[in-house]
Amino acid sequence: MLNITLIASDLQALSHIRTKLEGANAEVRGYTNNASVLSALRNNKTDVVAVLLQPSEILESEWYSKVKSGSQAPVVMIGDGDDELQEVIALRMGADDFVSETASSRILFERLRHAATMSREHRLPETVEPAGRTEVRGDLEISFSDWLVRWRGKAVSLTARELRVLYALARIPGHVKSREQIMDEAYGHEPFADDRTVDSHIKRIRQKLRTVDPNFDCIEAVYGVGYKYHQEDACHPSITHGSSLNDTTHQRRLV
């Protein structure tokens, strides 16, 4: 879901634009107070900042600079589409885009989403996989030379995207990662994805790993936060049927 910080000097106008955006399935936080919005930008995650201008209203450059410095999110001005001077000044001040307040809900949402996507592509780090290496986390092996995953020596067929998601989790076992962090590591500079995309990848990864180990349970959902990958001794590894407790491999795992 797109997170939007909406700023306006007029409460009625703010409510009107907020209703349009929420109707397009956006999460909107609205502010009319300059001090409160600057504090919110420092403390809350936002994908894009939308500033609603009233007819003939021009932002003070000092205040706008504080908005830009308070967040990495792009800033889109929403104003009177017939006021050319307003649009020119907004763009010269550094706004990432300008859109008319008379635009439909769909167009308004898509322009804001596009600004968020373009900004995200330019500021995200490259994906973190160690090219050409094999990373081992207990019984899990992730090979970036041949893009294969093995669990206890058995090959598991994952897509490149699923492999990146799994590595993003397993890279630091026990560490909880939000969906946004997983997207950052697994998607790199590629287009915007939402929380449901990550959930779908996790579901398929679990299903595929359980084809070679029905008791695989090392990926845990942390309610309201994201996911974490457990060390093997914390996710109850299974013992192969017919094996003996004298088997040294299993003795090491049970210690």
Protein backbone atom coordinates (compact mmCIF):
# COMPACT_ATOMS: atom_id res chain seq x y z
CA MET A 1 0.00 0.00 0.00
CA LEU A 2 1.27 3.46 -0.91
CA ASN A 3 1.96 5.63 2.16
CA ILE A 4 1.28 9.31 1.46
CA THR A 5 1.95 12.34 3.64
CA LEU A 6 -0.52 15.02 2.52
CA ILE A 7 0.05 18.67 3.44
CA ALA A 8 -2.45 21.49 2.94
CA SER A 9 -3.15 24.89 4.46
CA ASP A 10 -6.92 24.42 4.12
CA LEU A 11 -8.62 21.62 6.07
CA GLN A 12 -11.56 21.26 3.69
CA ALA A 13 -9.30 20.96 0.65
CA LEU A 14 -7.11 18.45 2.49
CA SER A 15 -10.16 16.33 3.33
CA HIS A 16 -11.29 16.36 -0.32
CA ILE A 17 -7.94 15.16 -1.71
CA ARG A 18 -7.51 12.66 1.11
CA THR A 19 -10.86 11.08 0.27
CA LYS A 20 -9.85 10.76 -3.39
CA LEU A 21 -6.56 9.07 -2.53
CA GLU A 22 -8.01 6.72 0.07
CA GLY A 23 -10.59 5.71 -2.51
CA ALA A 24 -7.66 4.55 -4.66
CA ASN A 25 -6.43 2.35 -1.76
CA ALA A 26 -3.69 4.64 -0.44
CA GLU A 27 -2.81 5.18 3.22
CA VAL A 28 -2.89 8.94 3.83
CA ARG A 29 -1.71 11.03 6.78
CA GLY A 30 -2.88 14.63 6.51
CA TYR A 31 -1.38 17.74 8.10
CA THR A 32 -2.24 21.44 8.11
CA ASN A 33 0.34 22.47 10.71
CA ASN A 34 3.88 23.07 9.44
CA ALA A 35 5.59 22.06 12.68
CA SER A 36 3.66 18.80 13.02
CA VAL A 37 4.39 17.70 9.45
CA LEU A 38 8.13 18.26 9.85
CA SER A 39 8.08 16.14 13.01
CA ALA A 40 6.02 13.45 11.25
CA LEU A 41 8.45 13.25 8.34
CA ARG A 42 11.29 12.56 10.75
CA ASN A 43 9.43 9.85 12.66
CA ASN A 44 7.17 8.09 10.15
CA LYS A 45 7.74 6.12 6.98
CA THR A 46 6.28 7.73 3.87
CA ASP A 47 6.59 6.82 0.20
CA VAL A 48 5.70 10.24 -1.18
CA VAL A 49 4.89 13.72 0.15
CA ALA A 50 1.98 15.50 -1.56
CA VAL A 51 1.65 19.25 -1.03
CA LEU A 52 -1.74 20.73 -1.89
CA LEU A 53 -1.54 24.35 -3.03
CA GLN A 54 -4.50 26.70 -3.00
CA PRO A 55 -5.11 28.96 -6.05
CA SER A 56 -2.24 31.47 -6.39
CA GLU A 57 -0.56 30.03 -3.27
CA ILE A 58 3.23 29.78 -3.46
CA LEU A 59 5.29 27.89 -0.89
CA GLU A 60 7.99 29.62 1.08
CA SER A 61 11.32 28.24 -0.14
CA GLU A 62 12.71 27.92 3.40
CA TRP A 63 9.78 25.76 4.55
CA TYR A 64 9.94 23.67 1.38
CA SER A 65 13.67 23.05 1.95
CA LYS A 66 12.87 21.73 5.42
CA VAL A 67 10.28 19.35 3.95
CA LYS A 68 12.80 18.03 1.41
CA SER A 69 15.52 17.60 4.03
CA GLY A 70 13.15 15.90 6.48
CA SER A 71 12.57 12.85 4.30
CA GLN A 72 14.04 10.95 1.36
CA ALA A 73 10.54 10.68 -0.11
CA PRO A 74 9.78 12.60 -3.32
CA VAL A 75 7.57 15.69 -3.17
CA VAL A 76 4.66 16.13 -5.57
CA MET A 77 2.77 19.43 -5.75
CA ILE A 78 -0.99 19.33 -6.25
CA GLY A 79 -2.34 22.62 -7.50
CA ASP A 80 -4.52 24.58 -9.86
CA GLY A 81 -3.88 23.11 -13.30
CA ASP A 82 -4.67 26.47 -14.92
CA ASP A 83 -2.09 28.34 -12.84
CA GLU A 84 1.03 28.02 -14.99
CA LEU A 85 3.13 30.25 -12.72
CA GLN A 86 2.34 28.03 -9.73
CA GLU A 87 3.49 24.96 -11.63
CA VAL A 88 6.68 26.61 -12.93
CA ILE A 89 7.72 27.84 -9.48
CA ALA A 90 6.96 24.44 -7.88
CA LEU A 91 9.15 22.62 -10.40
CA ARG A 92 11.95 25.19 -10.11
CA MET A 93 11.92 24.75 -6.34
CA GLY A 94 12.68 21.07 -6.89
CA ALA A 95 9.29 19.36 -6.80
CA ASP A 96 9.46 15.89 -8.33
CA ASP A 97 6.15 16.40 -10.14
CA PHE A 98 3.11 18.66 -10.39
CA VAL A 99 -0.46 17.44 -10.88
CA SER A 100 -3.77 19.28 -11.08
CA GLU A 101 -6.17 18.87 -8.16
CA THR A 102 -8.95 18.32 -10.72
CA ALA A 103 -7.33 15.06 -11.88
CA SER A 104 -9.31 11.88 -11.28
CA SER A 105 -8.59 9.73 -8.24
CA ARG A 106 -6.87 7.17 -10.45
CA ILE A 107 -4.60 9.67 -12.22
CA LEU A 108 -3.74 11.43 -8.97
CA PHE A 109 -2.83 8.14 -7.29
CA GLU A 110 -0.79 6.90 -10.26
CA ARG A 111 1.22 10.13 -10.49
CA LEU A 112 2.08 9.87 -6.79
CA ARG A 113 2.86 6.16 -7.10
CA HIS A 114 5.09 6.82 -10.11
CA ALA A 115 7.05 9.48 -8.20
CA ALA A 116 7.53 7.04 -5.31
CA THR A 117 8.67 4.29 -7.68
CA MET A 118 11.18 6.48 -9.51
CA SER A 119 12.61 7.78 -6.24
CA ARG A 120 12.84 4.26 -4.84
CA GLU A 121 14.74 3.03 -7.89
CA HIS A 122 17.31 5.80 -7.58
CA ARG A 123 17.99 5.50 -3.86
CA LEU A 124 17.88 1.75 -3.17
CA PRO A 125 21.17 -0.12 -2.81
CA GLU A 126 21.95 -2.93 -5.18
CA THR A 127 20.75 -6.36 -4.16
CA VAL A 128 23.03 -7.81 -1.52
CA GLU A 129 23.76 -11.27 -2.87
CA PRO A 130 27.51 -12.12 -2.88
CA ALA A 131 27.98 -12.85 -6.60
CA GLY A 132 29.64 -16.15 -7.42
CA ARG A 133 29.75 -17.41 -3.84
CA THR A 134 27.97 -20.10 -1.86
CA GLU A 135 26.53 -18.96 1.45
CA VAL A 136 25.98 -21.61 4.13
CA ARG A 137 23.65 -21.16 7.10
CA GLY A 138 23.60 -24.47 8.94
CA ASP A 139 21.82 -26.97 6.68
CA LEU A 140 20.88 -24.28 4.18
CA GLU A 141 23.16 -23.63 1.19
CA ILE A 142 22.53 -20.77 -1.24
CA SER A 143 24.78 -20.77 -4.30
CA PHE A 144 25.02 -17.57 -6.34
CA SER A 145 27.35 -19.16 -8.87
CA ASP A 146 24.71 -21.56 -10.22
CA TRP A 147 21.65 -20.02 -8.47
CA LEU A 148 20.75 -23.17 -6.57
CA VAL A 149 19.45 -23.78 -3.05
CA ARG A 150 20.10 -26.96 -1.08
CA TRP A 151 18.55 -27.99 2.21
CA ARG A 152 20.46 -30.78 3.96
CA GLY A 153 22.13 -31.62 0.68
CA LYS A 154 18.90 -31.84 -1.31
CA ALA A 155 18.36 -29.43 -4.18
CA VAL A 156 15.36 -27.11 -3.96
CA SER A 157 14.15 -25.38 -7.12
CA LEU A 158 13.57 -21.68 -6.41
CA THR A 159 13.21 -18.78 -8.80
CA ALA A 160 15.87 -16.06 -8.72
CA ARG A 161 13.47 -13.77 -6.87
CA GLU A 162 12.61 -16.45 -4.28
CA LEU A 163 16.31 -17.15 -3.79
CA ARG A 164 16.98 -13.46 -3.09
CA VAL A 165 14.09 -13.29 -0.62
CA LEU A 166 15.36 -16.39 1.19
CA TYR A 167 18.88 -14.99 1.36
CA ALA A 168 17.61 -11.65 2.66
CA LEU A 169 16.07 -13.56 5.58
CA ALA A 170 18.77 -16.17 6.18
CA ARG A 171 21.69 -13.76 5.91
CA ILE A 172 21.34 -12.86 9.60
CA PRO A 173 19.53 -15.74 11.37
CA GLY A 174 17.25 -14.69 14.21
CA HIS A 175 17.03 -11.09 12.99
CA VAL A 176 13.50 -9.83 12.29
CA LYS A 177 13.14 -8.04 8.96
CA SER A 178 10.19 -5.96 7.86
CA ARG A 179 8.60 -6.55 4.48
CA GLU A 180 10.08 -3.25 3.32
CA GLN A 181 13.60 -4.41 4.25
CA ILE A 182 13.07 -7.69 2.43
CA MET A 183 11.86 -5.81 -0.66
CA ASP A 184 14.88 -3.51 -0.51
CA GLU A 185 17.30 -6.45 -0.53
CA ALA A 186 15.43 -8.74 -2.91
CA TYR A 187 14.18 -6.21 -5.46
CA GLY A 188 17.02 -3.71 -5.69
CA HIS A 189 16.32 -1.16 -8.43
CA GLU A 190 13.36 -3.01 -9.87
CA PRO A 191 9.81 -1.60 -9.83
CA PHE A 192 7.64 -1.10 -6.77
CA ALA A 193 6.22 -4.17 -5.03
CA ASP A 194 3.81 -4.36 -2.13
CA ASP A 195 3.59 -6.40 1.08
CA ARG A 196 1.44 -9.08 -0.52
CA THR A 197 4.19 -9.81 -3.05
CA VAL A 198 6.63 -10.61 -0.23
CA ASP A 199 4.03 -12.78 1.53
CA SER A 200 3.45 -14.73 -1.69
CA HIS A 201 7.18 -15.36 -2.12
CA ILE A 202 7.52 -16.55 1.48
CA LYS A 203 4.59 -18.92 1.06
CA ARG A 204 6.09 -20.49 -2.07
CA ILE A 205 9.55 -20.77 -0.48
CA ARG A 206 8.10 -22.66 2.48
CA GLN A 207 6.14 -24.97 0.20
CA LYS A 208 9.18 -25.79 -1.92
CA LEU A 209 11.47 -26.44 1.06
CA ARG A 210 8.83 -28.72 2.57
CA THR A 211 8.95 -30.90 -0.53
CA VAL A 212 12.40 -32.07 0.64
CA ASP A 213 11.71 -31.73 4.39
CA PRO A 214 8.04 -31.77 5.45
CA ASN A 215 9.07 -30.49 8.90
CA PHE A 216 10.89 -27.41 7.63
CA ASP A 217 9.78 -24.52 9.83
CA CYS A 218 12.69 -22.09 9.92
CA ILE A 219 10.85 -19.07 8.51
CA GLU A 220 8.65 -17.43 11.13
CA ALA A 221 6.12 -14.66 10.59
CA VAL A 222 6.38 -11.96 13.27
CA TYR A 223 2.94 -10.42 13.59
CA GLY A 224 2.80 -6.76 12.66
CA VAL A 225 6.50 -6.62 11.76
CA GLY A 226 7.69 -9.08 9.11
CA TYR A 227 9.66 -12.34 9.10
CA LYS A 228 12.75 -13.94 10.57
CA TYR A 229 14.84 -17.02 9.77
CA HIS A 230 15.66 -19.34 12.68
CA GLN A 231 18.82 -21.29 13.24
CA GLU A 232 18.17 -25.02 12.74
CA ASP A 233 18.22 -25.81 16.47
CA ALA A 234 15.33 -23.38 16.96
CA CYS A 235 13.05 -24.77 14.27
CA HIS A 236 12.93 -28.44 15.30
CA PRO A 237 14.82 -30.23 12.51
CA SER A 238 13.52 -33.67 11.73
CA ILE A 239 15.52 -36.90 12.07
CA THR A 240 15.53 -39.11 9.02
CA HIS A 241 13.51 -42.28 9.54
CA GLY A 242 15.66 -45.35 10.13
CA SER A 243 18.66 -43.40 11.44
CA SER A 244 20.29 -44.26 14.72
CA LEU A 245 20.98 -41.96 17.63
CA ASN A 246 24.53 -43.28 17.39
CA ASP A 247 24.83 -41.51 14.03
CA THR A 248 27.39 -38.77 14.65
CA THR A 249 25.66 -36.31 12.32
CA HIS A 250 22.44 -36.48 14.29
CA GLN A 251 24.31 -36.40 17.59
CA ARG A 252 25.78 -33.04 16.61
CA ARG A 253 22.34 -31.67 15.75
CA LEU A 254 20.79 -32.86 19.00
CA VAL A 255 23.46 -31.40 21.26
